[in-house]
N, C-alpha and C. Protein backbone atom coordinates (compact mmCIF):
# COMPACT_ATOMS: atom_id res chain seq x y z
N MET A 1 -1.32 34.97 8.15
CA MET A 1 -0.08 34.31 8.52
C MET A 1 0.67 33.91 7.26
N ASN A 2 1.93 34.23 7.19
CA ASN A 2 2.76 33.94 6.04
C ASN A 2 3.57 32.68 6.32
N ASN A 3 3.19 31.57 5.68
CA ASN A 3 3.87 30.29 5.89
C ASN A 3 4.83 29.96 4.77
N LYS A 4 5.13 30.90 3.91
CA LYS A 4 5.98 30.60 2.76
C LYS A 4 7.39 30.24 3.20
N GLU A 5 7.94 29.24 2.50
CA GLU A 5 9.33 28.89 2.71
C GLU A 5 10.16 29.83 1.85
N LYS A 6 11.22 30.37 2.43
CA LYS A 6 12.08 31.28 1.69
C LYS A 6 13.46 30.64 1.59
N TYR A 7 14.03 30.66 0.39
CA TYR A 7 15.32 30.03 0.14
C TYR A 7 16.41 31.08 0.02
N SER A 8 17.66 30.63 0.12
CA SER A 8 18.79 31.57 0.09
C SER A 8 18.84 32.37 -1.21
N THR A 9 18.21 31.88 -2.25
CA THR A 9 18.19 32.58 -3.53
C THR A 9 17.17 33.72 -3.54
N GLY A 10 16.31 33.73 -2.51
CA GLY A 10 15.24 34.72 -2.47
C GLY A 10 13.92 34.16 -2.95
N ALA A 11 13.94 32.99 -3.59
CA ALA A 11 12.70 32.35 -4.05
C ALA A 11 11.87 31.90 -2.85
N THR A 12 10.56 31.91 -3.06
CA THR A 12 9.66 31.42 -2.01
C THR A 12 8.75 30.35 -2.57
N ARG A 13 8.20 29.58 -1.67
CA ARG A 13 7.28 28.50 -2.07
C ARG A 13 6.34 28.21 -0.92
N ASN A 14 5.09 27.92 -1.25
CA ASN A 14 4.16 27.49 -0.20
C ASN A 14 4.51 26.06 0.20
N PRO A 15 4.52 25.78 1.49
CA PRO A 15 4.86 24.41 1.92
C PRO A 15 3.73 23.43 1.61
N ILE A 16 4.09 22.15 1.46
CA ILE A 16 3.09 21.12 1.24
C ILE A 16 2.91 20.26 2.50
N ALA A 17 3.56 20.65 3.58
CA ALA A 17 3.47 19.88 4.83
C ALA A 17 2.00 19.64 5.17
N PRO A 18 1.65 18.53 5.73
CA PRO A 18 2.51 17.53 6.36
C PRO A 18 2.92 16.40 5.44
N VAL A 19 2.93 16.60 4.15
CA VAL A 19 3.33 15.56 3.20
C VAL A 19 4.85 15.56 3.09
N ARG A 20 5.48 14.39 3.32
CA ARG A 20 6.94 14.28 3.27
C ARG A 20 7.36 13.10 2.41
N TYR A 21 7.24 13.28 1.10
CA TYR A 21 7.63 12.22 0.17
C TYR A 21 9.11 11.88 0.30
N ASP A 22 9.91 12.82 0.74
CA ASP A 22 11.34 12.58 0.87
C ASP A 22 11.66 11.55 1.95
N LEU A 23 10.68 11.22 2.80
CA LEU A 23 10.90 10.23 3.85
C LEU A 23 10.47 8.82 3.43
N VAL A 24 9.80 8.71 2.29
CA VAL A 24 9.33 7.42 1.82
C VAL A 24 10.52 6.60 1.33
N LYS A 25 10.54 5.34 1.70
CA LYS A 25 11.59 4.43 1.25
C LYS A 25 11.14 3.80 -0.06
N TRP A 26 11.64 4.33 -1.15
CA TRP A 26 11.17 3.95 -2.47
C TRP A 26 11.48 2.50 -2.83
N GLY A 27 12.48 1.92 -2.23
CA GLY A 27 12.75 0.51 -2.45
C GLY A 27 11.59 -0.35 -1.97
N PHE A 28 10.97 0.06 -0.87
CA PHE A 28 9.81 -0.67 -0.36
C PHE A 28 8.62 -0.49 -1.29
N ILE A 29 8.42 0.71 -1.80
CA ILE A 29 7.33 0.97 -2.74
C ILE A 29 7.54 0.12 -4.00
N ARG A 30 8.80 0.01 -4.44
CA ARG A 30 9.10 -0.82 -5.61
C ARG A 30 8.76 -2.28 -5.32
N GLU A 31 9.09 -2.76 -4.13
CA GLU A 31 8.77 -4.14 -3.78
C GLU A 31 7.26 -4.35 -3.74
N LEU A 32 6.52 -3.39 -3.22
CA LEU A 32 5.05 -3.46 -3.23
C LEU A 32 4.54 -3.50 -4.67
N ALA A 33 5.11 -2.70 -5.54
CA ALA A 33 4.70 -2.69 -6.95
C ALA A 33 4.99 -4.04 -7.60
N MET A 34 6.06 -4.69 -7.21
CA MET A 34 6.37 -6.02 -7.74
C MET A 34 5.34 -7.04 -7.25
N VAL A 35 4.92 -6.91 -6.00
CA VAL A 35 3.86 -7.78 -5.46
C VAL A 35 2.57 -7.54 -6.23
N MET A 36 2.27 -6.29 -6.56
CA MET A 36 1.07 -5.97 -7.32
C MET A 36 1.14 -6.61 -8.71
N ASP A 37 2.30 -6.58 -9.33
CA ASP A 37 2.48 -7.21 -10.65
C ASP A 37 2.26 -8.72 -10.55
N GLU A 38 2.79 -9.32 -9.51
CA GLU A 38 2.58 -10.76 -9.29
C GLU A 38 1.08 -11.05 -9.16
N GLY A 39 0.36 -10.19 -8.44
CA GLY A 39 -1.07 -10.37 -8.27
C GLY A 39 -1.84 -10.24 -9.57
N VAL A 40 -1.45 -9.30 -10.40
CA VAL A 40 -2.11 -9.11 -11.70
C VAL A 40 -1.94 -10.37 -12.56
N LYS A 41 -0.74 -10.91 -12.54
CA LYS A 41 -0.48 -12.11 -13.33
C LYS A 41 -1.27 -13.31 -12.81
N SER A 42 -1.53 -13.33 -11.52
CA SER A 42 -2.24 -14.45 -10.91
C SER A 42 -3.75 -14.26 -10.87
N HIS A 43 -4.21 -13.01 -10.70
CA HIS A 43 -5.63 -12.76 -10.46
C HIS A 43 -6.30 -11.80 -11.43
N GLY A 44 -5.58 -11.25 -12.38
CA GLY A 44 -6.18 -10.34 -13.35
C GLY A 44 -5.79 -8.90 -13.12
N ALA A 45 -5.99 -8.10 -14.15
CA ALA A 45 -5.63 -6.69 -14.12
C ALA A 45 -6.60 -5.89 -13.26
N PRO A 46 -6.13 -4.76 -12.68
CA PRO A 46 -7.03 -3.91 -11.90
C PRO A 46 -8.29 -3.55 -12.68
N GLY A 47 -9.42 -3.62 -11.99
CA GLY A 47 -10.69 -3.27 -12.61
C GLY A 47 -11.41 -4.44 -13.24
N THR A 48 -10.76 -5.59 -13.34
CA THR A 48 -11.43 -6.76 -13.93
C THR A 48 -12.22 -7.49 -12.86
N ASP A 49 -13.22 -8.26 -13.31
CA ASP A 49 -14.03 -9.03 -12.37
C ASP A 49 -13.15 -9.96 -11.55
N GLY A 50 -13.40 -10.01 -10.26
CA GLY A 50 -12.65 -10.90 -9.39
C GLY A 50 -11.37 -10.31 -8.86
N ASN A 51 -10.95 -9.16 -9.36
CA ASN A 51 -9.74 -8.52 -8.87
C ASN A 51 -9.98 -7.93 -7.49
N TRP A 52 -8.92 -7.69 -6.73
CA TRP A 52 -9.04 -7.19 -5.36
C TRP A 52 -9.82 -5.89 -5.26
N GLU A 53 -9.78 -5.04 -6.31
CA GLU A 53 -10.50 -3.77 -6.26
C GLU A 53 -12.01 -3.97 -6.18
N SER A 54 -12.48 -5.13 -6.64
CA SER A 54 -13.91 -5.41 -6.56
C SER A 54 -14.35 -5.66 -5.13
N GLY A 55 -13.42 -5.99 -4.29
CA GLY A 55 -13.71 -6.22 -2.88
C GLY A 55 -13.65 -7.69 -2.51
N MET A 56 -13.22 -7.92 -1.28
CA MET A 56 -13.22 -9.27 -0.71
C MET A 56 -13.43 -9.08 0.79
N PRO A 57 -13.88 -10.12 1.47
CA PRO A 57 -14.10 -9.96 2.91
C PRO A 57 -12.85 -9.48 3.63
N LYS A 58 -13.04 -8.55 4.54
CA LYS A 58 -11.90 -8.03 5.29
C LYS A 58 -11.19 -9.13 6.06
N SER A 59 -11.95 -10.12 6.53
CA SER A 59 -11.34 -11.22 7.27
C SER A 59 -10.33 -11.98 6.39
N VAL A 60 -10.62 -12.12 5.11
CA VAL A 60 -9.70 -12.80 4.19
C VAL A 60 -8.41 -11.99 4.07
N VAL A 61 -8.55 -10.70 3.91
CA VAL A 61 -7.38 -9.82 3.79
C VAL A 61 -6.55 -9.90 5.08
N ILE A 62 -7.19 -9.79 6.22
CA ILE A 62 -6.48 -9.79 7.50
C ILE A 62 -5.81 -11.14 7.74
N ASN A 63 -6.51 -12.23 7.43
CA ASN A 63 -5.90 -13.55 7.61
C ASN A 63 -4.65 -13.72 6.75
N HIS A 64 -4.70 -13.25 5.50
CA HIS A 64 -3.52 -13.33 4.64
C HIS A 64 -2.38 -12.47 5.20
N MET A 65 -2.73 -11.28 5.69
CA MET A 65 -1.70 -10.41 6.26
C MET A 65 -1.00 -11.07 7.44
N PHE A 66 -1.79 -11.66 8.34
CA PHE A 66 -1.18 -12.27 9.52
C PHE A 66 -0.41 -13.54 9.18
N GLU A 67 -0.81 -14.26 8.14
CA GLU A 67 -0.03 -15.41 7.71
C GLU A 67 1.33 -14.96 7.20
N HIS A 68 1.36 -13.85 6.44
CA HIS A 68 2.65 -13.31 5.98
C HIS A 68 3.47 -12.79 7.16
N TRP A 69 2.82 -12.17 8.12
CA TRP A 69 3.52 -11.69 9.32
C TRP A 69 4.16 -12.86 10.05
N HIS A 70 3.39 -13.94 10.24
CA HIS A 70 3.89 -15.13 10.92
C HIS A 70 5.09 -15.71 10.19
N LYS A 71 4.99 -15.85 8.88
CA LYS A 71 6.10 -16.41 8.10
C LYS A 71 7.34 -15.53 8.22
N TRP A 72 7.14 -14.22 8.18
CA TRP A 72 8.28 -13.30 8.29
C TRP A 72 8.93 -13.42 9.67
N LEU A 73 8.10 -13.47 10.72
CA LEU A 73 8.63 -13.61 12.08
C LEU A 73 9.41 -14.91 12.26
N GLU A 74 8.99 -15.96 11.54
CA GLU A 74 9.66 -17.25 11.62
C GLU A 74 10.95 -17.29 10.80
N GLY A 75 11.24 -16.22 10.07
CA GLY A 75 12.49 -16.13 9.32
C GLY A 75 12.39 -16.50 7.85
N ASP A 76 11.18 -16.78 7.37
CA ASP A 76 10.99 -17.14 5.96
C ASP A 76 11.22 -15.89 5.11
N ARG A 77 12.19 -15.97 4.21
CA ARG A 77 12.48 -14.85 3.31
C ARG A 77 12.32 -15.27 1.85
N LYS A 78 11.55 -16.34 1.62
CA LYS A 78 11.33 -16.83 0.26
C LYS A 78 10.37 -15.94 -0.52
N GLU A 79 9.56 -15.19 0.20
CA GLU A 79 8.60 -14.27 -0.42
C GLU A 79 8.77 -12.89 0.22
N PRO A 80 8.33 -11.84 -0.46
CA PRO A 80 8.37 -10.50 0.14
C PRO A 80 7.18 -10.31 1.10
N HIS A 81 7.25 -10.99 2.25
CA HIS A 81 6.11 -11.02 3.17
C HIS A 81 5.68 -9.63 3.64
N LEU A 82 6.63 -8.75 3.92
CA LEU A 82 6.25 -7.42 4.41
C LEU A 82 5.53 -6.62 3.34
N ALA A 83 5.97 -6.74 2.09
CA ALA A 83 5.29 -6.04 1.00
C ALA A 83 3.90 -6.63 0.77
N LYS A 84 3.76 -7.94 0.98
CA LYS A 84 2.44 -8.55 0.84
C LYS A 84 1.51 -8.10 1.97
N MET A 85 2.06 -7.88 3.15
CA MET A 85 1.26 -7.30 4.23
C MET A 85 0.85 -5.87 3.87
N ALA A 86 1.77 -5.13 3.27
CA ALA A 86 1.46 -3.75 2.87
C ALA A 86 0.33 -3.74 1.84
N PHE A 87 0.31 -4.74 0.96
CA PHE A 87 -0.80 -4.83 0.02
C PHE A 87 -2.11 -4.97 0.78
N GLY A 88 -2.13 -5.83 1.80
CA GLY A 88 -3.34 -6.01 2.59
C GLY A 88 -3.79 -4.72 3.25
N LEU A 89 -2.85 -3.96 3.78
CA LEU A 89 -3.19 -2.67 4.38
C LEU A 89 -3.76 -1.72 3.34
N MET A 90 -3.14 -1.72 2.16
CA MET A 90 -3.63 -0.86 1.08
C MET A 90 -5.04 -1.27 0.67
N ALA A 91 -5.29 -2.58 0.57
CA ALA A 91 -6.62 -3.06 0.20
C ALA A 91 -7.65 -2.62 1.23
N LEU A 92 -7.34 -2.78 2.52
CA LEU A 92 -8.27 -2.36 3.57
C LEU A 92 -8.53 -0.86 3.51
N TRP A 93 -7.46 -0.08 3.27
CA TRP A 93 -7.60 1.38 3.13
C TRP A 93 -8.52 1.70 1.96
N TYR A 94 -8.30 1.02 0.82
CA TYR A 94 -9.10 1.24 -0.38
C TYR A 94 -10.56 0.91 -0.14
N TYR A 95 -10.83 -0.25 0.48
CA TYR A 95 -12.22 -0.65 0.74
C TYR A 95 -12.92 0.37 1.64
N GLU A 96 -12.21 0.87 2.64
CA GLU A 96 -12.79 1.87 3.54
C GLU A 96 -13.10 3.16 2.79
N ARG A 97 -12.16 3.61 1.98
CA ARG A 97 -12.36 4.85 1.21
C ARG A 97 -13.49 4.74 0.21
N LYS A 98 -13.64 3.56 -0.39
CA LYS A 98 -14.68 3.34 -1.41
C LYS A 98 -16.00 2.86 -0.81
N GLY A 99 -16.02 2.63 0.49
CA GLY A 99 -17.24 2.15 1.12
C GLY A 99 -17.58 0.70 0.77
N ILE A 100 -16.56 -0.09 0.46
CA ILE A 100 -16.76 -1.50 0.11
C ILE A 100 -16.74 -2.33 1.39
N ASP A 101 -17.84 -3.01 1.66
CA ASP A 101 -17.93 -3.85 2.85
C ASP A 101 -18.47 -5.21 2.41
N VAL A 102 -17.59 -6.11 2.08
CA VAL A 102 -17.97 -7.40 1.53
C VAL A 102 -18.14 -8.41 2.66
N LYS A 103 -19.25 -9.08 2.61
CA LYS A 103 -19.47 -10.20 3.54
C LYS A 103 -19.15 -11.46 2.77
N ARG A 104 -18.97 -12.54 3.45
CA ARG A 104 -18.65 -13.83 2.80
C ARG A 104 -19.61 -14.15 1.74
């Protein structure tokens, strides 16, 4: 089966689907990166002892996410609550991929 994309110029390319980077809202990724920078300043650089990559109980991550969700729903815009929730999702994804299961 020939799945190559063909362009009006005659050039062809193999598709990378289902990856669609063109649909990502980069402003949100930038806000998440700013949250990550805030975390580094407060908790240390990635890979250092005590940093989120070392692992923390999933309940702690989930509780923080829902607190940010609650604040956002209540109209608080003093912090980037949605980006902080995205950090929590990323942390849970990372722990699952790395097999990190931290108990209290």
